[in-house]
Amino acid sequence: MQESEIITLVLGLAVAALLIPNYSQMKRFPGSRILLVAFLMMLSAWAATVLEGFFWSELFNIVEHFSYLLSTASFAAWLFFMVRRRGRAER
């Protein structure tokens, strides 16, 4: 485990602490649920990165990489949704 991994997790938790209570304002953005899922999956990957340094390293390594996969898939779905939405608006 490196110090940068802990700092990344702490910063991610700080963003989550600001984001989650203000989610009602974030709902104004199209596809906000998908974007929130992408962020939370990224946050869980950062947590798994730190936890794998303490115990169950193989399990948390799998959780980390699976969380990155889900985060990337969620973000890609959000981008697809936004491009499709923009295409409809231009017609």
PDB file of N, CA and C in Angstrom:
ATOM      1  N   MET A   1       0.848  -1.174   0.000  1.00  0.00           N
ATOM      2  CA  MET A   1       0.000   0.000   0.000  1.00  0.00           C
ATOM      3  C   MET A   1       0.894   1.237   0.000  1.00  0.00           C
ATOM      4  N   GLN A   2       0.486   2.206  -0.797  1.00  0.00           N
ATOM      5  CA  GLN A   2       1.240   3.448  -0.903  1.00  0.00           C
ATOM      6  C   GLN A   2       0.436   4.595  -0.303  1.00  0.00           C
ATOM      7  N   GLU A   3       1.137   5.642   0.067  1.00  0.00           N
ATOM      8  CA  GLU A   3       0.464   6.810   0.641  1.00  0.00           C
ATOM      9  C   GLU A   3      -0.526   7.421  -0.340  1.00  0.00           C
ATOM     10  N   SER A   4      -0.187   7.403  -1.625  1.00  0.00           N
ATOM     11  CA  SER A   4      -1.072   7.995  -2.628  1.00  0.00           C
ATOM     12  C   SER A   4      -2.425   7.284  -2.682  1.00  0.00           C
ATOM     13  N   GLU A   5      -2.442   5.983  -2.410  1.00  0.00           N
ATOM     14  CA  GLU A   5      -3.706   5.239  -2.404  1.00  0.00           C
ATOM     15  C   GLU A   5      -4.591   5.680  -1.247  1.00  0.00           C
ATOM     16  N   ILE A   6      -3.993   5.948  -0.113  1.00  0.00           N
ATOM     17  CA  ILE A   6      -4.763   6.427   1.047  1.00  0.00           C
ATOM     18  C   ILE A   6      -5.281   7.830   0.784  1.00  0.00           C
ATOM     19  N   ILE A   7      -4.447   8.677   0.201  1.00  0.00           N
ATOM     20  CA  ILE A   7      -4.866  10.050  -0.104  1.00  0.00           C
ATOM     21  C   ILE A   7      -6.011  10.043  -1.113  1.00  0.00           C
ATOM     22  N   THR A   8      -5.910   9.184  -2.121  1.00  0.00           N
ATOM     23  CA  THR A   8      -6.990   9.077  -3.118  1.00  0.00           C
ATOM     24  C   THR A   8      -8.295   8.659  -2.458  1.00  0.00           C
ATOM     25  N   LEU A   9      -8.235   7.691  -1.557  1.00  0.00           N
ATOM     26  CA  LEU A   9      -9.439   7.249  -0.849  1.00  0.00           C
ATOM     27  C   LEU A   9     -10.012   8.363   0.018  1.00  0.00           C
ATOM     28  N   VAL A  10      -9.164   9.067   0.746  1.00  0.00           N
ATOM     29  CA  VAL A  10      -9.641  10.159   1.609  1.00  0.00           C
ATOM     30  C   VAL A  10     -10.298  11.257   0.769  1.00  0.00           C
ATOM     31  N   LEU A  11      -9.687  11.621  -0.344  1.00  0.00           N
ATOM     32  CA  LEU A  11     -10.294  12.636  -1.219  1.00  0.00           C
ATOM     33  C   LEU A  11     -11.617  12.143  -1.801  1.00  0.00           C
ATOM     34  N   GLY A  12     -11.672  10.867  -2.185  1.00  0.00           N
ATOM     35  CA  GLY A  12     -12.915  10.301  -2.699  1.00  0.00           C
ATOM     36  C   GLY A  12     -14.018  10.303  -1.661  1.00  0.00           C
ATOM     37  N   LEU A  13     -13.661   9.981  -0.418  1.00  0.00           N
ATOM     38  CA  LEU A  13     -14.651  10.017   0.670  1.00  0.00           C
ATOM     39  C   LEU A  13     -15.127  11.441   0.938  1.00  0.00           C
ATOM     40  N   ALA A  14     -14.232  12.408   0.804  1.00  0.00           N
ATOM     41  CA  ALA A  14     -14.622  13.812   0.980  1.00  0.00           C
ATOM     42  C   ALA A  14     -15.611  14.240  -0.109  1.00  0.00           C
ATOM     43  N   VAL A  15     -15.348  13.828  -1.335  1.00  0.00           N
ATOM     44  CA  VAL A  15     -16.278  14.139  -2.429  1.00  0.00           C
ATOM     45  C   VAL A  15     -17.621  13.456  -2.175  1.00  0.00           C
ATOM     46  N   ALA A  16     -17.608  12.201  -1.743  1.00  0.00           N
ATOM     47  CA  ALA A  16     -18.852  11.486  -1.447  1.00  0.00           C
ATOM     48  C   ALA A  16     -19.618  12.168  -0.321  1.00  0.00           C
ATOM     49  N   ALA A  17     -18.887  12.663   0.683  1.00  0.00           N
ATOM     50  CA  ALA A  17     -19.540  13.347   1.808  1.00  0.00           C
ATOM     51  C   ALA A  17     -20.237  14.627   1.344  1.00  0.00           C
ATOM     52  N   LEU A  18     -19.749  15.237   0.298  1.00  0.00           N
ATOM     53  CA  LEU A  18     -20.401  16.435  -0.256  1.00  0.00           C
ATOM     54  C   LEU A  18     -21.472  16.081  -1.281  1.00  0.00           C
ATOM     55  N   LEU A  19     -21.227  15.031  -2.029  1.00  0.00           N
ATOM     56  CA  LEU A  19     -22.111  14.658  -3.138  1.00  0.00           C
ATOM     57  C   LEU A  19     -23.415  14.024  -2.672  1.00  0.00           C
ATOM     58  N   ILE A  20     -23.329  13.086  -1.775  1.00  0.00           N
ATOM     59  CA  ILE A  20     -24.515  12.319  -1.388  1.00  0.00           C
ATOM     60  C   ILE A  20     -25.584  13.188  -0.717  1.00  0.00           C
ATOM     61  N   PRO A  21     -25.237  14.060   0.223  1.00  0.00           N
ATOM     62  CA  PRO A  21     -26.285  14.899   0.804  1.00  0.00           C
ATOM     63  C   PRO A  21     -26.894  15.899  -0.196  1.00  0.00           C
ATOM     64  N   ASN A  22     -26.145  16.217  -1.240  1.00  0.00           N
ATOM     65  CA  ASN A  22     -26.623  17.170  -2.246  1.00  0.00           C
ATOM     66  C   ASN A  22     -27.128  16.478  -3.507  1.00  0.00           C
ATOM     67  N   TYR A  23     -27.460  15.211  -3.405  1.00  0.00           N
ATOM     68  CA  TYR A  23     -27.888  14.456  -4.576  1.00  0.00           C
ATOM     69  C   TYR A  23     -29.151  15.042  -5.201  1.00  0.00           C
ATOM     70  N   SER A  24     -30.020  15.641  -4.403  1.00  0.00           N
ATOM     71  CA  SER A  24     -31.247  16.217  -4.962  1.00  0.00           C
ATOM     72  C   SER A  24     -30.918  17.310  -5.979  1.00  0.00           C
ATOM     73  N   GLN A  25     -29.851  18.046  -5.755  1.00  0.00           N
ATOM     74  CA  GLN A  25     -29.435  19.065  -6.722  1.00  0.00           C
ATOM     75  C   GLN A  25     -28.778  18.429  -7.941  1.00  0.00           C
ATOM     76  N   MET A  26     -28.100  17.329  -7.711  1.00  0.00           N
ATOM     77  CA  MET A  26     -27.439  16.640  -8.823  1.00  0.00           C
ATOM     78  C   MET A  26     -28.447  15.998  -9.768  1.00  0.00           C
ATOM     79  N   LYS A  27     -29.654  15.726  -9.278  1.00  0.00           N
ATOM     80  CA  LYS A  27     -30.679  15.095 -10.116  1.00  0.00           C
ATOM     81  C   LYS A  27     -31.034  15.943 -11.331  1.00  0.00           C
ATOM     82  N   ARG A  28     -30.673  17.205 -11.314  1.00  0.00           N
ATOM     83  CA  ARG A  28     -30.960  18.068 -12.461  1.00  0.00           C
ATOM     84  C   ARG A  28     -30.154  17.662 -13.691  1.00  0.00           C
ATOM     85  N   PHE A  29     -29.027  16.981 -13.479  1.00  0.00           N
ATOM     86  CA  PHE A  29     -28.214  16.538 -14.596  1.00  0.00           C
ATOM     87  C   PHE A  29     -28.804  15.271 -15.193  1.00  0.00           C
ATOM     88  N   PRO A  30     -28.858  15.178 -16.519  1.00  0.00           N
ATOM     89  CA  PRO A  30     -29.379  13.961 -17.147  1.00  0.00           C
ATOM     90  C   PRO A  30     -28.514  12.749 -16.804  1.00  0.00           C
ATOM     91  N   GLY A  31     -29.155  11.650 -16.498  1.00  0.00           N
ATOM     92  CA  GLY A  31     -28.441  10.419 -16.201  1.00  0.00           C
ATOM     93  C   GLY A  31     -27.651  10.462 -14.907  1.00  0.00           C
ATOM     94  N   SER A  32     -28.110  11.250 -13.963  1.00  0.00           N
ATOM     95  CA  SER A  32     -27.357  11.439 -12.719  1.00  0.00           C
ATOM     96  C   SER A  32     -27.211  10.145 -11.919  1.00  0.00           C
ATOM     97  N   ARG A  33     -28.182   9.268 -11.997  1.00  0.00           N
ATOM     98  CA  ARG A  33     -28.079   8.000 -11.254  1.00  0.00           C
ATOM     99  C   ARG A  33     -26.926   7.149 -11.774  1.00  0.00           C
ATOM    100  N   ILE A  34     -26.820   7.079 -13.099  1.00  0.00           N
ATOM    101  CA  ILE A  34     -25.748   6.293 -13.699  1.00  0.00           C
ATOM    102  C   ILE A  34     -24.394   6.892 -13.322  1.00  0.00           C
ATOM    103  N   LEU A  35     -24.305   8.206 -13.345  1.00  0.00           N
ATOM    104  CA  LEU A  35     -23.054   8.877 -12.993  1.00  0.00           C
ATOM    105  C   LEU A  35     -22.706   8.655 -11.523  1.00  0.00           C
ATOM    106  N   LEU A  36     -23.713   8.660 -10.663  1.00  0.00           N
ATOM    107  CA  LEU A  36     -23.472   8.401  -9.243  1.00  0.00           C
ATOM    108  C   LEU A  36     -22.988   6.966  -9.024  1.00  0.00           C
ATOM    109  N   VAL A  37     -23.576   6.014  -9.731  1.00  0.00           N
ATOM    110  CA  VAL A  37     -23.133   4.622  -9.628  1.00  0.00           C
ATOM    111  C   VAL A  37     -21.677   4.508 -10.074  1.00  0.00           C
ATOM    112  N   ALA A  38     -21.306   5.188 -11.152  1.00  0.00           N
ATOM    113  CA  ALA A  38     -19.926   5.149 -11.634  1.00  0.00           C
ATOM    114  C   ALA A  38     -18.970   5.674 -10.568  1.00  0.00           C
ATOM    115  N   PHE A  39     -19.346   6.775  -9.916  1.00  0.00           N
ATOM    116  CA  PHE A  39     -18.490   7.329  -8.870  1.00  0.00           C
ATOM    117  C   PHE A  39     -18.401   6.395  -7.666  1.00  0.00           C
ATOM    118  N   LEU A  40     -19.522   5.833  -7.245  1.00  0.00           N
ATOM    119  CA  LEU A  40     -19.510   4.948  -6.080  1.00  0.00           C
ATOM    120  C   LEU A  40     -18.717   3.669  -6.345  1.00  0.00           C
ATOM    121  N   MET A  41     -18.773   3.170  -7.562  1.00  0.00           N
ATOM    122  CA  MET A  41     -17.963   1.996  -7.905  1.00  0.00           C
ATOM    123  C   MET A  41     -16.475   2.348  -7.890  1.00  0.00           C
ATOM    124  N   MET A  42     -16.135   3.540  -8.347  1.00  0.00           N
ATOM    125  CA  MET A  42     -14.742   3.985  -8.298  1.00  0.00           C
ATOM    126  C   MET A  42     -14.293   4.125  -6.846  1.00  0.00           C
ATOM    127  N   LEU A  43     -15.176   4.666  -6.012  1.00  0.00           N
ATOM    128  CA  LEU A  43     -14.870   4.810  -4.589  1.00  0.00           C
ATOM    129  C   LEU A  43     -14.658   3.447  -3.932  1.00  0.00           C
ATOM    130  N   SER A  44     -15.481   2.471  -4.298  1.00  0.00           N
ATOM    131  CA  SER A  44     -15.305   1.132  -3.722  1.00  0.00           C
ATOM    132  C   SER A  44     -14.000   0.497  -4.197  1.00  0.00           C
ATOM    133  N   ALA A  45     -13.581   0.798  -5.420  1.00  0.00           N
ATOM    134  CA  ALA A  45     -12.289   0.293  -5.905  1.00  0.00           C
ATOM    135  C   ALA A  45     -11.146   0.902  -5.112  1.00  0.00           C
ATOM    136  N   TRP A  46     -11.232   2.191  -4.819  1.00  0.00           N
ATOM    137  CA  TRP A  46     -10.186   2.846  -4.028  1.00  0.00           C
ATOM    138  C   TRP A  46     -10.133   2.265  -2.618  1.00  0.00           C
ATOM    139  N   ALA A  47     -11.312   1.982  -2.033  1.00  0.00           N
ATOM    140  CA  ALA A  47     -11.355   1.380  -0.696  1.00  0.00           C
ATOM    141  C   ALA A  47     -10.755  -0.024  -0.726  1.00  0.00           C
ATOM    142  N   ALA A  48     -11.081  -0.788  -1.756  1.00  0.00           N
ATOM    143  CA  ALA A  48     -10.545  -2.145  -1.865  1.00  0.00           C
ATOM    144  C   ALA A  48      -9.030  -2.123  -2.029  1.00  0.00           C
ATOM    145  N   THR A  49      -8.522  -1.117  -2.727  1.00  0.00           N
ATOM    146  CA  THR A  49      -7.073  -0.983  -2.896  1.00  0.00           C
ATOM    147  C   THR A  49      -6.376  -0.831  -1.555  1.00  0.00           C
ATOM    148  N   VAL A  50      -6.951  -0.015  -0.683  1.00  0.00           N
ATOM    149  CA  VAL A  50      -6.363   0.204   0.638  1.00  0.00           C
ATOM    150  C   VAL A  50      -6.534  -1.047   1.505  1.00  0.00           C
ATOM    151  N   LEU A  51      -7.728  -1.628   1.476  1.00  0.00           N
ATOM    152  CA  LEU A  51      -7.998  -2.796   2.319  1.00  0.00           C
ATOM    153  C   LEU A  51      -7.149  -4.004   1.949  1.00  0.00           C
ATOM    154  N   GLU A  52      -6.824  -4.158   0.671  1.00  0.00           N
ATOM    155  CA  GLU A  52      -6.033  -5.320   0.271  1.00  0.00           C
ATOM    156  C   GLU A  52      -4.627  -5.285   0.863  1.00  0.00           C
ATOM    157  N   GLY A  53      -4.183  -4.126   1.324  1.00  0.00           N
ATOM    158  CA  GLY A  53      -2.887  -4.034   1.972  1.00  0.00           C
ATOM    159  C   GLY A  53      -2.888  -4.572   3.392  1.00  0.00           C
ATOM    160  N   PHE A  54      -4.078  -4.756   3.977  1.00  0.00           N
ATOM    161  CA  PHE A  54      -4.182  -5.204   5.365  1.00  0.00           C
ATOM    162  C   PHE A  54      -4.569  -6.673   5.506  1.00  0.00           C
ATOM    163  N   PHE A  55      -5.532  -7.120   4.733  1.00  0.00           N
ATOM    164  CA  PHE A  55      -5.982  -8.509   4.834  1.00  0.00           C
ATOM    165  C   PHE A  55      -6.720  -8.907   3.568  1.00  0.00           C
ATOM    166  N   TRP A  56      -6.839 -10.219   3.372  1.00  0.00           N
ATOM    167  CA  TRP A  56      -7.541 -10.808   2.227  1.00  0.00           C
ATOM    168  C   TRP A  56      -7.139 -10.143   0.913  1.00  0.00           C
ATOM    169  N   SER A  57      -5.857 -10.074   0.666  1.00  0.00           N
ATOM    170  CA  SER A  57      -5.347  -9.333  -0.494  1.00  0.00           C
ATOM    171  C   SER A  57      -5.908  -9.839  -1.823  1.00  0.00           C
ATOM    172  N   GLU A  58      -6.041 -11.134  -1.979  1.00  0.00           N
ATOM    173  CA  GLU A  58      -6.558 -11.659  -3.243  1.00  0.00           C
ATOM    174  C   GLU A  58      -8.020 -11.282  -3.448  1.00  0.00           C
ATOM    175  N   LEU A  59      -8.819 -11.407  -2.401  1.00  0.00           N
ATOM    176  CA  LEU A  59     -10.233 -11.063  -2.505  1.00  0.00           C
ATOM    177  C   LEU A  59     -10.413  -9.581  -2.831  1.00  0.00           C
ATOM    178  N   PHE A  60      -9.717  -8.716  -2.082  1.00  0.00           N
ATOM    179  CA  PHE A  60      -9.883  -7.282  -2.316  1.00  0.00           C
ATOM    180  C   PHE A  60      -9.281  -6.840  -3.646  1.00  0.00           C
ATOM    181  N   ASN A  61      -8.300  -7.589  -4.151  1.00  0.00           N
ATOM    182  CA  ASN A  61      -7.775  -7.291  -5.478  1.00  0.00           C
ATOM    183  C   ASN A  61      -8.835  -7.571  -6.540  1.00  0.00           C
ATOM    184  N   ILE A  62      -9.561  -8.660  -6.378  1.00  0.00           N
ATOM    185  CA  ILE A  62     -10.655  -8.983  -7.306  1.00  0.00           C
ATOM    186  C   ILE A  62     -11.765  -7.936  -7.194  1.00  0.00           C
ATOM    187  N   VAL A  63     -12.129  -7.584  -5.965  1.00  0.00           N
ATOM    188  CA  VAL A  63     -13.165  -6.559  -5.750  1.00  0.00           C
ATOM    189  C   VAL A  63     -12.734  -5.240  -6.385  1.00  0.00           C
ATOM    190  N   GLU A  64     -11.467  -4.879  -6.208  1.00  0.00           N
ATOM    191  CA  GLU A  64     -10.950  -3.630  -6.783  1.00  0.00           C
ATOM    192  C   GLU A  64     -11.130  -3.611  -8.298  1.00  0.00           C
ATOM    193  N   HIS A  65     -10.664  -4.663  -8.955  1.00  0.00           N
ATOM    194  CA  HIS A  65     -10.722  -4.668 -10.411  1.00  0.00           C
ATOM    195  C   HIS A  65     -12.145  -4.815 -10.942  1.00  0.00           C
ATOM    196  N   PHE A  66     -12.984  -5.550 -10.249  1.00  0.00           N
ATOM    197  CA  PHE A  66     -14.389  -5.659 -10.648  1.00  0.00           C
ATOM    198  C   PHE A  66     -15.092  -4.312 -10.473  1.00  0.00           C
ATOM    199  N   SER A  67     -14.753  -3.582  -9.417  1.00  0.00           N
ATOM    200  CA  SER A  67     -15.330  -2.250  -9.202  1.00  0.00           C
ATOM    201  C   SER A  67     -14.894  -1.278 -10.292  1.00  0.00           C
ATOM    202  N   TYR A  68     -13.626  -1.365 -10.700  1.00  0.00           N
ATOM    203  CA  TYR A  68     -13.166  -0.529 -11.817  1.00  0.00           C
ATOM    204  C   TYR A  68     -13.931  -0.866 -13.093  1.00  0.00           C
ATOM    205  N   LEU A  69     -14.184  -2.152 -13.321  1.00  0.00           N
ATOM    206  CA  LEU A  69     -14.948  -2.581 -14.485  1.00  0.00           C
ATOM    207  C   LEU A  69     -16.356  -1.982 -14.458  1.00  0.00           C
ATOM    208  N   LEU A  70     -17.032  -2.112 -13.313  1.00  0.00           N
ATOM    209  CA  LEU A  70     -18.393  -1.581 -13.195  1.00  0.00           C
ATOM    210  C   LEU A  70     -18.417  -0.062 -13.312  1.00  0.00           C
ATOM    211  N   SER A  71     -17.426   0.603 -12.759  1.00  0.00           N
ATOM    212  CA  SER A  71     -17.346   2.053 -12.858  1.00  0.00           C
ATOM    213  C   SER A  71     -17.180   2.487 -14.314  1.00  0.00           C
ATOM    214  N   THR A  72     -16.287   1.820 -15.015  1.00  0.00           N
ATOM    215  CA  THR A  72     -16.054   2.152 -16.425  1.00  0.00           C
ATOM    216  C   THR A  72     -17.291   1.876 -17.267  1.00  0.00           C
ATOM    217  N   ALA A  73     -17.950   0.751 -17.012  1.00  0.00           N
ATOM    218  CA  ALA A  73     -19.170   0.406 -17.765  1.00  0.00           C
ATOM    219  C   ALA A  73     -20.280   1.421 -17.480  1.00  0.00           C
ATOM    220  N   SER A  74     -20.404   1.851 -16.233  1.00  0.00           N
ATOM    221  CA  SER A  74     -21.429   2.843 -15.877  1.00  0.00           C
ATOM    222  C   SER A  74     -21.144   4.179 -16.537  1.00  0.00           C
ATOM    223  N   PHE A  75     -19.890   4.581 -16.511  1.00  0.00           N
ATOM    224  CA  PHE A  75     -19.535   5.856 -17.135  1.00  0.00           C
ATOM    225  C   PHE A  75     -19.740   5.794 -18.650  1.00  0.00           C
ATOM    226  N   ALA A  76     -19.392   4.666 -19.270  1.00  0.00           N
ATOM    227  CA  ALA A  76     -19.614   4.496 -20.708  1.00  0.00           C
ATOM    228  C   ALA A  76     -21.105   4.526 -21.036  1.00  0.00           C
ATOM    229  N   ALA A  77     -21.930   3.911 -20.193  1.00  0.00           N
ATOM    230  CA  ALA A  77     -23.384   3.946 -20.399  1.00  0.00           C
ATOM    231  C   ALA A  77     -23.902   5.371 -20.293  1.00  0.00           C
ATOM    232  N   TRP A  78     -23.378   6.128 -19.337  1.00  0.00           N
ATOM    233  CA  TRP A  78     -23.785   7.531 -19.192  1.00  0.00           C
ATOM    234  C   TRP A  78     -23.400   8.322 -20.428  1.00  0.00           C
ATOM    235  N   LEU A  79     -22.179   8.121 -20.946  1.00  0.00           N
ATOM    236  CA  LEU A  79     -21.750   8.820 -22.159  1.00  0.00           C
ATOM    237  C   LEU A  79     -22.632   8.453 -23.341  1.00  0.00           C
ATOM    238  N   PHE A  80     -22.955   7.170 -23.492  1.00  0.00           N
ATOM    239  CA  PHE A  80     -23.837   6.725 -24.563  1.00  0.00           C
ATOM    240  C   PHE A  80     -25.199   7.409 -24.440  1.00  0.00           C
ATOM    241  N   PHE A  81     -25.719   7.454 -23.216  1.00  0.00           N
ATOM    242  CA  PHE A  81     -26.994   8.103 -22.952  1.00  0.00           C
ATOM    243  C   PHE A  81     -26.946   9.584 -23.345  1.00  0.00           C
ATOM    244  N   MET A  82     -25.862  10.266 -23.002  1.00  0.00           N
ATOM    245  CA  MET A  82     -25.741  11.690 -23.298  1.00  0.00           C
ATOM    246  C   MET A  82     -25.612  11.943 -24.795  1.00  0.00           C
ATOM    247  N   VAL A  83     -24.839  11.131 -25.495  1.00  0.00           N
ATOM    248  CA  VAL A  83     -24.676  11.303 -26.939  1.00  0.00           C
ATOM    249  C   VAL A  83     -26.005  11.049 -27.638  1.00  0.00           C
ATOM    250  N   ARG A  84     -26.684  10.001 -27.228  1.00  0.00           N
ATOM    251  CA  ARG A  84     -27.988   9.684 -27.824  1.00  0.00           C
ATOM    252  C   ARG A  84     -29.000  10.787 -27.544  1.00  0.00           C
ATOM    253  N   ARG A  85     -28.974  11.303 -26.345  1.00  0.00           N
ATOM    254  CA  ARG A  85     -29.891  12.377 -25.954  1.00  0.00           C
ATOM    255  C   ARG A  85     -29.608  13.643 -26.766  1.00  0.00           C
ATOM    256  N   ARG A  86     -28.336  13.942 -26.951  1.00  0.00           N
ATOM    257  CA  ARG A  86     -27.949  15.130 -27.724  1.00  0.00           C
ATOM    258  C   ARG A  86     -28.360  14.978 -29.176  1.00  0.00           C
ATOM    259  N   GLY A  87     -28.218  13.756 -29.728  1.00  0.00           N
ATOM    260  CA  GLY A  87     -28.612  13.490 -31.097  1.00  0.00           C
ATOM    261  C   GLY A  87     -30.101  13.718 -31.321  1.00  0.00           C
ATOM    262  N   ARG A  88     -30.895  13.327 -30.340  1.00  0.00           N
ATOM    263  CA  ARG A  88     -32.339  13.548 -30.431  1.00  0.00           C
ATOM    264  C   ARG A  88     -32.675  15.030 -30.340  1.00  0.00           C
ATOM    265  N   ALA A  89     -31.957  15.781 -29.537  1.00  0.00           N
ATOM    266  CA  ALA A  89     -32.226  17.210 -29.362  1.00  0.00           C
ATOM    267  C   ALA A  89     -31.888  18.000 -30.613  1.00  0.00           C
ATOM    268  N   GLU A  90     -30.932  17.519 -31.398  1.00  0.00           N
ATOM    269  CA  GLU A  90     -30.521  18.236 -32.603  1.00  0.00           C
ATOM    270  C   GLU A  90     -31.463  18.007 -33.778  1.00  0.00           C
ATOM    271  N   ARG A  91     -32.331  17.032 -33.681  1.00  0.00           N
ATOM    272  CA  ARG A  91     -33.262  16.736 -34.797  1.00  0.00           C
ATOM    273  C   ARG A  91     -34.365  17.716 -34.882  1.00  0.00           C
TER     274      ARG A  91
END
